[in-house]
Amino acid sequence: MRECKAAGCRVIINNPIPQCWRHLMRFRIWSAFTRNHQKVMLIDDQCICGSTNMSTGYSNMKYGSAVFRDLSIFLGKQELQKQRDFFRNIFLNNIIYYQDEYTADEVNRDFDAYDRLYNSKEMLMWYEQQKAHDAESSEFLQEERPDKDEITYTMGQMIKGAKKQIRIVQPYVQNVASIEDLLKEALKRGVKVEVLTARYRDQPCYMGLLNSDIFGELIDLGAVVKEEPFSFLHMKVVETDSGD
């Protein structure tokens, strides 16, 4: 990132660890150790989001080690106000750590300019025309506890509405209790639940723990749990039937 900064890029670290003392002095213990797990790339009015880290371990054999299997979604040529607000808020929330380099006025000036460009009457009309020809819809969801739980809420609604089948790709060990309870209810009403999870993890402290053991209660209720044995699974997917 030093090279990017030297070339003129505006670079920040979200909630930098050396600044944890600011939160601790205010007894905000949770905030001190909150890390950023989001992966989003926004280029003009196109966006890539998902779970893929920008690291050689997540790249293919030509450009990296490819030890992880991952998934991202490309959103092409559409109105992305929420994504712009996402980046604006990250900058503004961290501006206190970069007062010698950037100001809130500069950040807002730049993002206001982007909004004027992509929210112009002509651009919005073009986006609406494109949407009319595209049967698929997309929504940018955020999970920033305790203020935002859009991902967990949407997953819960999908599981509640499932009539026949639920498929989940979930690589990590710890389950969300509220989601697991909804999966149990789905199994009891006859919905088929399939989970693809990780056999191997890159975290040494979890190497000997099988995800299939963690899903024991779901397995007892009839869930099908399979483990990826060939590489580190990192993708996250929830798919349910429409109920038709």
C-alpha atoms as a PDB file:
ATOM      1  CA  MET A   1       0.000   0.000   0.000  1.00  0.00           C
ATOM      2  CA  ARG A   2       2.978   2.336   0.439  1.00  0.00           C
ATOM      3  CA  GLU A   3       3.492   2.349  -3.332  1.00  0.00           C
ATOM      4  CA  CYS A   4      -0.178   3.160  -3.914  1.00  0.00           C
ATOM      5  CA  LYS A   5       0.025   6.003  -1.430  1.00  0.00           C
ATOM      6  CA  ALA A   6       3.181   7.356  -3.047  1.00  0.00           C
ATOM      7  CA  ALA A   7       1.368   7.340  -6.400  1.00  0.00           C
ATOM      8  CA  GLY A   8      -1.374   9.552  -4.996  1.00  0.00           C
ATOM      9  CA  CYS A   9      -3.939   7.043  -3.704  1.00  0.00           C
ATOM     10  CA  ARG A  10      -5.889   7.899  -0.586  1.00  0.00           C
ATOM     11  CA  VAL A  11      -5.138   5.005   1.767  1.00  0.00           C
ATOM     12  CA  ILE A  12      -6.594   4.352   5.220  1.00  0.00           C
ATOM     13  CA  ILE A  13      -6.640   1.456   7.686  1.00  0.00           C
ATOM     14  CA  ASN A  14     -10.029   0.805   9.240  1.00  0.00           C
ATOM     15  CA  ASN A  15      -9.882   1.014  13.056  1.00  0.00           C
ATOM     16  CA  PRO A  16      -6.054   0.665  13.186  1.00  0.00           C
ATOM     17  CA  ILE A  17      -4.753  -1.501  16.016  1.00  0.00           C
ATOM     18  CA  PRO A  18      -2.204   1.080  17.275  1.00  0.00           C
ATOM     19  CA  GLN A  19      -5.169   3.396  17.953  1.00  0.00           C
ATOM     20  CA  CYS A  20      -7.012   0.913  20.201  1.00  0.00           C
ATOM     21  CA  TRP A  21      -6.137   3.030  23.226  1.00  0.00           C
ATOM     22  CA  ARG A  22      -8.670   5.635  22.063  1.00  0.00           C
ATOM     23  CA  HIS A  23     -11.489   3.119  22.538  1.00  0.00           C
ATOM     24  CA  LEU A  24     -10.077   1.674  25.756  1.00  0.00           C
ATOM     25  CA  MET A  25      -9.855   5.118  27.334  1.00  0.00           C
ATOM     26  CA  ARG A  26     -13.613   5.416  26.748  1.00  0.00           C
ATOM     27  CA  PHE A  27     -14.253   1.854  27.998  1.00  0.00           C
ATOM     28  CA  ARG A  28     -15.376   0.801  24.503  1.00  0.00           C
ATOM     29  CA  ILE A  29     -13.755  -2.643  24.692  1.00  0.00           C
ATOM     30  CA  TRP A  30     -15.743  -4.139  21.801  1.00  0.00           C
ATOM     31  CA  SER A  31     -14.845  -1.284  19.455  1.00  0.00           C
ATOM     32  CA  ALA A  32     -11.140  -1.611  20.267  1.00  0.00           C
ATOM     33  CA  PHE A  33     -10.952  -5.103  18.822  1.00  0.00           C
ATOM     34  CA  THR A  34     -13.430  -4.795  15.939  1.00  0.00           C
ATOM     35  CA  ARG A  35     -11.693  -5.670  12.683  1.00  0.00           C
ATOM     36  CA  ASN A  36     -12.768  -5.127   9.090  1.00  0.00           C
ATOM     37  CA  HIS A  37     -13.756  -8.337   7.286  1.00  0.00           C
ATOM     38  CA  GLN A  38     -15.488  -6.699   4.314  1.00  0.00           C
ATOM     39  CA  LYS A  39     -14.270  -7.090   0.738  1.00  0.00           C
ATOM     40  CA  VAL A  40     -15.628  -4.575  -1.761  1.00  0.00           C
ATOM     41  CA  MET A  41     -14.174  -3.010  -4.914  1.00  0.00           C
ATOM     42  CA  LEU A  42     -16.004  -0.063  -6.478  1.00  0.00           C
ATOM     43  CA  ILE A  43     -14.886   1.248  -9.871  1.00  0.00           C
ATOM     44  CA  ASP A  44     -17.101   3.996 -11.252  1.00  0.00           C
ATOM     45  CA  ASP A  45     -20.548   2.356 -11.424  1.00  0.00           C
ATOM     46  CA  GLN A  46     -19.328  -1.235 -11.270  1.00  0.00           C
ATOM     47  CA  CYS A  47     -18.744  -3.248  -8.116  1.00  0.00           C
ATOM     48  CA  ILE A  48     -17.199  -6.548  -7.017  1.00  0.00           C
ATOM     49  CA  CYS A  49     -18.126  -7.860  -3.574  1.00  0.00           C
ATOM     50  CA  GLY A  50     -18.064 -11.196  -1.789  1.00  0.00           C
ATOM     51  CA  SER A  51     -15.561 -12.999   0.389  1.00  0.00           C
ATOM     52  CA  THR A  52     -12.389 -13.041  -1.744  1.00  0.00           C
ATOM     53  CA  ASN A  53      -9.387 -11.339  -0.141  1.00  0.00           C
ATOM     54  CA  MET A  54      -6.975  -9.400  -2.344  1.00  0.00           C
ATOM     55  CA  SER A  55      -4.078 -11.740  -1.644  1.00  0.00           C
ATOM     56  CA  THR A  56      -1.970 -14.189  -3.649  1.00  0.00           C
ATOM     57  CA  GLY A  57      -3.430 -17.069  -1.647  1.00  0.00           C
ATOM     58  CA  TYR A  58      -6.817 -16.353  -3.235  1.00  0.00           C
ATOM     59  CA  SER A  59      -5.495 -15.961  -6.780  1.00  0.00           C
ATOM     60  CA  ASN A  60      -5.095 -18.657  -9.417  1.00  0.00           C
ATOM     61  CA  MET A  61      -1.981 -20.670 -10.187  1.00  0.00           C
ATOM     62  CA  LYS A  62      -0.612 -18.091 -12.618  1.00  0.00           C
ATOM     63  CA  TYR A  63      -0.718 -15.174 -10.202  1.00  0.00           C
ATOM     64  CA  GLY A  64      -0.780 -16.789  -6.765  1.00  0.00           C
ATOM     65  CA  SER A  65      -0.716 -19.956  -4.690  1.00  0.00           C
ATOM     66  CA  ALA A  66      -4.475 -20.683  -5.039  1.00  0.00           C
ATOM     67  CA  VAL A  67      -4.674 -22.398  -1.643  1.00  0.00           C
ATOM     68  CA  PHE A  68      -8.164 -20.956  -1.032  1.00  0.00           C
ATOM     69  CA  ARG A  69     -11.434 -21.582  -2.878  1.00  0.00           C
ATOM     70  CA  ASP A  70     -13.552 -18.468  -2.918  1.00  0.00           C
ATOM     71  CA  LEU A  71     -16.433 -16.601  -4.542  1.00  0.00           C
ATOM     72  CA  SER A  72     -17.318 -13.003  -5.401  1.00  0.00           C
ATOM     73  CA  ILE A  73     -20.137 -11.291  -7.284  1.00  0.00           C
ATOM     74  CA  PHE A  74     -19.748  -8.715 -10.048  1.00  0.00           C
ATOM     75  CA  LEU A  75     -22.340  -5.931 -10.274  1.00  0.00           C
ATOM     76  CA  GLY A  76     -21.898  -4.203 -13.613  1.00  0.00           C
ATOM     77  CA  LYS A  77     -23.034  -0.726 -14.723  1.00  0.00           C
ATOM     78  CA  GLN A  78     -25.735   0.140 -12.223  1.00  0.00           C
ATOM     79  CA  GLU A  79     -26.692   2.745  -9.646  1.00  0.00           C
ATOM     80  CA  LEU A  80     -24.469   2.097  -6.633  1.00  0.00           C
ATOM     81  CA  GLN A  81     -25.375   4.807  -4.127  1.00  0.00           C
ATOM     82  CA  LYS A  82     -25.268   2.407  -1.178  1.00  0.00           C
ATOM     83  CA  GLN A  83     -21.804   1.207  -2.139  1.00  0.00           C
ATOM     84  CA  ARG A  84     -20.525   4.780  -2.398  1.00  0.00           C
ATOM     85  CA  ASP A  85     -22.017   5.545   1.007  1.00  0.00           C
ATOM     86  CA  PHE A  86     -20.269   2.437   2.342  1.00  0.00           C
ATOM     87  CA  PHE A  87     -16.860   3.812   1.352  1.00  0.00           C
ATOM     88  CA  ARG A  88     -17.705   7.371   2.393  1.00  0.00           C
ATOM     89  CA  ASN A  89     -18.636   6.168   5.888  1.00  0.00           C
ATOM     90  CA  ILE A  90     -15.456   4.120   6.256  1.00  0.00           C
ATOM     91  CA  PHE A  91     -13.378   7.204   5.472  1.00  0.00           C
ATOM     92  CA  LEU A  92     -15.375   9.474   7.763  1.00  0.00           C
ATOM     93  CA  ASN A  93     -15.380   6.972  10.634  1.00  0.00           C
ATOM     94  CA  ASN A  94     -11.583   6.777  10.486  1.00  0.00           C
ATOM     95  CA  ILE A  95     -10.775  10.404   9.684  1.00  0.00           C
ATOM     96  CA  ILE A  96      -9.702  11.029  13.285  1.00  0.00           C
ATOM     97  CA  TYR A  97      -6.638   8.847  12.676  1.00  0.00           C
ATOM     98  CA  TYR A  98      -5.616  10.757   9.520  1.00  0.00           C
ATOM     99  CA  GLN A  99      -6.179  14.408  10.405  1.00  0.00           C
ATOM    100  CA  ASP A 100      -2.697  15.328   9.148  1.00  0.00           C
ATOM    101  CA  GLU A 101      -3.428  13.799   5.724  1.00  0.00           C
ATOM    102  CA  TYR A 102      -7.141  14.139   4.970  1.00  0.00           C
ATOM    103  CA  THR A 103     -10.103  16.167   6.172  1.00  0.00           C
ATOM    104  CA  ALA A 104     -13.787  15.284   6.351  1.00  0.00           C
ATOM    105  CA  ASP A 105     -14.550  18.185   4.011  1.00  0.00           C
ATOM    106  CA  GLU A 106     -12.209  16.758   1.367  1.00  0.00           C
ATOM    107  CA  VAL A 107     -13.751  13.312   1.629  1.00  0.00           C
ATOM    108  CA  ASN A 108     -17.313  14.644   1.414  1.00  0.00           C
ATOM    109  CA  ARG A 109     -16.375  16.921  -1.501  1.00  0.00           C
ATOM    110  CA  ASP A 110     -15.043  13.978  -3.508  1.00  0.00           C
ATOM    111  CA  PHE A 111     -17.992  11.682  -2.762  1.00  0.00           C
ATOM    112  CA  ASP A 112     -20.502  14.462  -3.440  1.00  0.00           C
ATOM    113  CA  ALA A 113     -18.898  14.843  -6.869  1.00  0.00           C
ATOM    114  CA  TYR A 114     -19.301  11.107  -7.524  1.00  0.00           C
ATOM    115  CA  ASP A 115     -22.948  11.292  -6.442  1.00  0.00           C
ATOM    116  CA  ARG A 116     -23.650  14.199  -8.800  1.00  0.00           C
ATOM    117  CA  LEU A 117     -22.073  12.288 -11.670  1.00  0.00           C
ATOM    118  CA  TYR A 118     -23.814   8.940 -11.164  1.00  0.00           C
ATOM    119  CA  ASN A 119     -27.101  10.368  -9.876  1.00  0.00           C
ATOM    120  CA  SER A 120     -27.585  12.673 -12.844  1.00  0.00           C
ATOM    121  CA  LYS A 121     -30.940  12.424 -14.580  1.00  0.00           C
ATOM    122  CA  GLU A 122     -29.386  10.861 -17.680  1.00  0.00           C
ATOM    123  CA  MET A 123     -27.473   8.200 -15.715  1.00  0.00           C
ATOM    124  CA  LEU A 124     -30.446   7.244 -13.542  1.00  0.00           C
ATOM    125  CA  MET A 125     -32.642   6.934 -16.632  1.00  0.00           C
ATOM    126  CA  TRP A 126     -30.037   4.686 -18.266  1.00  0.00           C
ATOM    127  CA  TYR A 127     -29.853   2.478 -15.155  1.00  0.00           C
ATOM    128  CA  GLU A 128     -33.638   2.122 -15.115  1.00  0.00           C
ATOM    129  CA  GLN A 129     -33.633   1.090 -18.771  1.00  0.00           C
ATOM    130  CA  GLN A 130     -30.990  -1.541 -18.075  1.00  0.00           C
ATOM    131  CA  LYS A 131     -32.943  -2.833 -15.071  1.00  0.00           C
ATOM    132  CA  ALA A 132     -36.056  -3.240 -17.218  1.00  0.00           C
ATOM    133  CA  HIS A 133     -34.155  -5.657 -19.473  1.00  0.00           C
ATOM    134  CA  ASP A 134     -32.611  -7.625 -16.595  1.00  0.00           C
ATOM    135  CA  ALA A 135     -34.825 -10.092 -14.765  1.00  0.00           C
ATOM    136  CA  GLU A 136     -32.244 -10.568 -12.025  1.00  0.00           C
ATOM    137  CA  SER A 137     -32.091  -8.172  -9.089  1.00  0.00           C
ATOM    138  CA  SER A 138     -29.291  -7.513  -6.627  1.00  0.00           C
ATOM    139  CA  GLU A 139     -28.972  -5.845  -3.249  1.00  0.00           C
ATOM    140  CA  PHE A 140     -25.847  -4.719  -1.416  1.00  0.00           C
ATOM    141  CA  LEU A 141     -26.047  -5.949   2.196  1.00  0.00           C
ATOM    142  CA  GLN A 142     -23.928  -4.899   5.171  1.00  0.00           C
ATOM    143  CA  GLU A 143     -23.207  -6.551   8.496  1.00  0.00           C
ATOM    144  CA  GLU A 144     -21.708  -4.214  11.100  1.00  0.00           C
ATOM    145  CA  ARG A 145     -22.806  -5.235  14.565  1.00  0.00           C
ATOM    146  CA  PRO A 146     -24.448  -3.929  16.615  1.00  0.00           C
ATOM    147  CA  ASP A 147     -25.869  -1.315  14.207  1.00  0.00           C
ATOM    148  CA  LYS A 148     -26.431  -3.340  11.032  1.00  0.00           C
ATOM    149  CA  ASP A 149     -27.429  -6.970  10.599  1.00  0.00           C
ATOM    150  CA  GLU A 150     -28.693  -6.943   7.006  1.00  0.00           C
ATOM    151  CA  ILE A 151     -26.932 -10.186   6.040  1.00  0.00           C
ATOM    152  CA  THR A 152     -28.090 -12.209   9.042  1.00  0.00           C
ATOM    153  CA  TYR A 153     -31.636 -10.842   8.748  1.00  0.00           C
ATOM    154  CA  THR A 154     -31.878 -11.609   5.016  1.00  0.00           C
ATOM    155  CA  MET A 155     -30.501 -15.129   5.536  1.00  0.00           C
ATOM    156  CA  GLY A 156     -33.092 -15.687   8.240  1.00  0.00           C
ATOM    157  CA  GLN A 157     -35.928 -14.537   5.974  1.00  0.00           C
ATOM    158  CA  MET A 158     -34.705 -16.816   3.175  1.00  0.00           C
ATOM    159  CA  ILE A 159     -34.567 -19.817   5.504  1.00  0.00           C
ATOM    160  CA  LYS A 160     -38.007 -19.056   6.948  1.00  0.00           C
ATOM    161  CA  GLY A 161     -39.471 -18.896   3.428  1.00  0.00           C
ATOM    162  CA  ALA A 162     -37.831 -22.091   2.147  1.00  0.00           C
ATOM    163  CA  LYS A 163     -40.293 -24.807   1.159  1.00  0.00           C
ATOM    164  CA  LYS A 164     -38.132 -27.559  -0.334  1.00  0.00           C
ATOM    165  CA  GLN A 165     -34.396 -26.972  -0.191  1.00  0.00           C
ATOM    166  CA  ILE A 166     -31.648 -24.928   1.477  1.00  0.00           C
ATOM    167  CA  ARG A 167     -28.019 -25.070   0.370  1.00  0.00           C
ATOM    168  CA  ILE A 168     -25.238 -23.417   2.384  1.00  0.00           C
ATOM    169  CA  VAL A 169     -21.501 -23.062   1.848  1.00  0.00           C
ATOM    170  CA  GLN A 170     -19.992 -22.101   5.203  1.00  0.00           C
ATOM    171  CA  PRO A 171     -16.297 -22.650   5.909  1.00  0.00           C
ATOM    172  CA  TYR A 172     -15.881 -21.603   9.519  1.00  0.00           C
ATOM    173  CA  VAL A 173     -16.322 -23.342  12.824  1.00  0.00           C
ATOM    174  CA  GLN A 174     -18.635 -21.169  14.882  1.00  0.00           C
ATOM    175  CA  ASN A 175     -22.300 -21.090  13.890  1.00  0.00           C
ATOM    176  CA  VAL A 176     -24.744 -18.231  14.368  1.00  0.00           C
ATOM    177  CA  ALA A 177     -27.220 -19.546  16.949  1.00  0.00           C
ATOM    178  CA  SER A 178     -30.250 -17.728  15.509  1.00  0.00           C
ATOM    179  CA  ILE A 179     -29.559 -19.087  12.008  1.00  0.00           C
ATOM    180  CA  GLU A 180     -28.964 -22.624  13.286  1.00  0.00           C
ATOM    181  CA  ASP A 181     -32.291 -22.517  15.156  1.00  0.00           C
ATOM    182  CA  LEU A 182     -34.057 -21.524  11.927  1.00  0.00           C
ATOM    183  CA  LEU A 183     -32.333 -24.384  10.084  1.00  0.00           C
ATOM    184  CA  LYS A 184     -33.569 -26.822  12.732  1.00  0.00           C
ATOM    185  CA  GLU A 185     -37.106 -25.531  12.270  1.00  0.00           C
ATOM    186  CA  ALA A 186     -36.766 -25.925   8.495  1.00  0.00           C
ATOM    187  CA  LEU A 187     -35.588 -29.528   8.856  1.00  0.00           C
ATOM    188  CA  LYS A 188     -38.518 -30.317  11.143  1.00  0.00           C
ATOM    189  CA  ARG A 189     -40.986 -29.039   8.529  1.00  0.00           C
ATOM    190  CA  GLY A 190     -39.423 -31.248   5.849  1.00  0.00           C
ATOM    191  CA  VAL A 191     -37.038 -28.870   4.073  1.00  0.00           C
ATOM    192  CA  LYS A 192     -33.872 -30.521   2.731  1.00  0.00           C
ATOM    193  CA  VAL A 193     -30.763 -28.825   4.158  1.00  0.00           C
ATOM    194  CA  GLU A 194     -27.343 -29.338   2.562  1.00  0.00           C
ATOM    195  CA  VAL A 195     -24.158 -27.780   3.961  1.00  0.00           C
ATOM    196  CA  LEU A 196     -20.747 -27.695   2.316  1.00  0.00           C
ATOM    197  CA  THR A 197     -18.087 -26.806   4.855  1.00  0.00           C
ATOM    198  CA  ALA A 198     -14.311 -26.904   5.271  1.00  0.00           C
ATOM    199  CA  ARG A 199     -12.276 -29.983   6.166  1.00  0.00           C
ATOM    200  CA  TYR A 200      -9.045 -28.060   6.604  1.00  0.00           C
ATOM    201  CA  ARG A 201      -8.526 -24.594   8.033  1.00  0.00           C
ATOM    202  CA  ASP A 202      -5.568 -22.250   7.827  1.00  0.00           C
ATOM    203  CA  GLN A 203      -5.867 -21.272  11.518  1.00  0.00           C
ATOM    204  CA  PRO A 204      -3.556 -23.604  13.521  1.00  0.00           C
ATOM    205  CA  CYS A 205      -5.771 -23.521  16.632  1.00  0.00           C
ATOM    206  CA  TYR A 206      -8.665 -25.073  14.657  1.00  0.00           C
ATOM    207  CA  MET A 207      -6.721 -27.654  12.651  1.00  0.00           C
ATOM    208  CA  GLY A 208      -7.915 -30.625  14.686  1.00  0.00           C
ATOM    209  CA  LEU A 209     -11.565 -29.591  14.918  1.00  0.00           C
ATOM    210  CA  LEU A 210     -13.989 -30.974  12.339  1.00  0.00           C
ATOM    211  CA  ASN A 211     -16.786 -28.695  11.194  1.00  0.00           C
ATOM    212  CA  SER A 212     -18.958 -31.783  10.774  1.00  0.00           C
ATOM    213  CA  ASP A 213     -18.803 -32.220  14.553  1.00  0.00           C
ATOM    214  CA  ILE A 214     -20.033 -28.670  15.075  1.00  0.00           C
ATOM    215  CA  PHE A 215     -23.037 -29.410  12.827  1.00  0.00           C
ATOM    216  CA  GLY A 216     -23.929 -32.493  14.881  1.00  0.00           C
ATOM    217  CA  GLU A 217     -27.409 -31.317  15.916  1.00  0.00           C
ATOM    218  CA  LEU A 218     -28.351 -30.478  12.333  1.00  0.00           C
ATOM    219  CA  ILE A 219     -27.042 -33.858  11.140  1.00  0.00           C
ATOM    220  CA  ASP A 220     -29.179 -35.620  13.752  1.00  0.00           C
ATOM    221  CA  LEU A 221     -32.221 -33.846  12.303  1.00  0.00           C
ATOM    222  CA  GLY A 222     -31.373 -34.970   8.764  1.00  0.00           C
ATOM    223  CA  ALA A 223     -29.088 -32.280   7.345  1.00  0.00           C
ATOM    224  CA  VAL A 224     -26.505 -33.430   4.795  1.00  0.00           C
ATOM    225  CA  VAL A 225     -23.067 -32.027   5.692  1.00  0.00           C
ATOM    226  CA  LYS A 226     -20.089 -32.457   3.361  1.00  0.00           C
ATOM    227  CA  GLU A 227     -16.498 -31.296   3.828  1.00  0.00           C
ATOM    228  CA  GLU A 228     -14.215 -29.813   1.157  1.00  0.00           C
ATOM    229  CA  PRO A 229     -11.056 -31.985   1.413  1.00  0.00           C
ATOM    230  CA  PHE A 230      -8.773 -30.506  -1.246  1.00  0.00           C
ATOM    231  CA  SER A 231      -8.095 -26.863  -0.333  1.00  0.00           C
ATOM    232  CA  PHE A 232      -8.997 -24.154   2.169  1.00  0.00           C
ATOM    233  CA  LEU A 233     -12.665 -23.315   1.611  1.00  0.00           C
ATOM    234  CA  HIS A 234     -13.369 -19.601   2.083  1.00  0.00           C
ATOM    235  CA  MET A 235     -16.567 -18.902   0.116  1.00  0.00           C
ATOM    236  CA  LYS A 236     -19.925 -18.195   1.750  1.00  0.00           C
ATOM    237  CA  VAL A 237     -23.222 -18.938  -0.035  1.00  0.00           C
ATOM    238  CA  VAL A 238     -26.864 -19.334   0.992  1.00  0.00           C
ATOM    239  CA  GLU A 239     -29.351 -20.596  -1.602  1.00  0.00           C
ATOM    240  CA  THR A 240     -33.009 -21.445  -0.961  1.00  0.00           C
ATOM    241  CA  ASP A 241     -35.875 -22.464  -3.245  1.00  0.00           C
ATOM    242  CA  SER A 242     -38.518 -19.932  -4.213  1.00  0.00           C
ATOM    243  CA  GLY A 243     -41.269 -21.991  -2.683  1.00  0.00           C
ATOM    244  CA  ASP A 244     -43.024 -22.462  -6.048  1.00  0.00           C
END
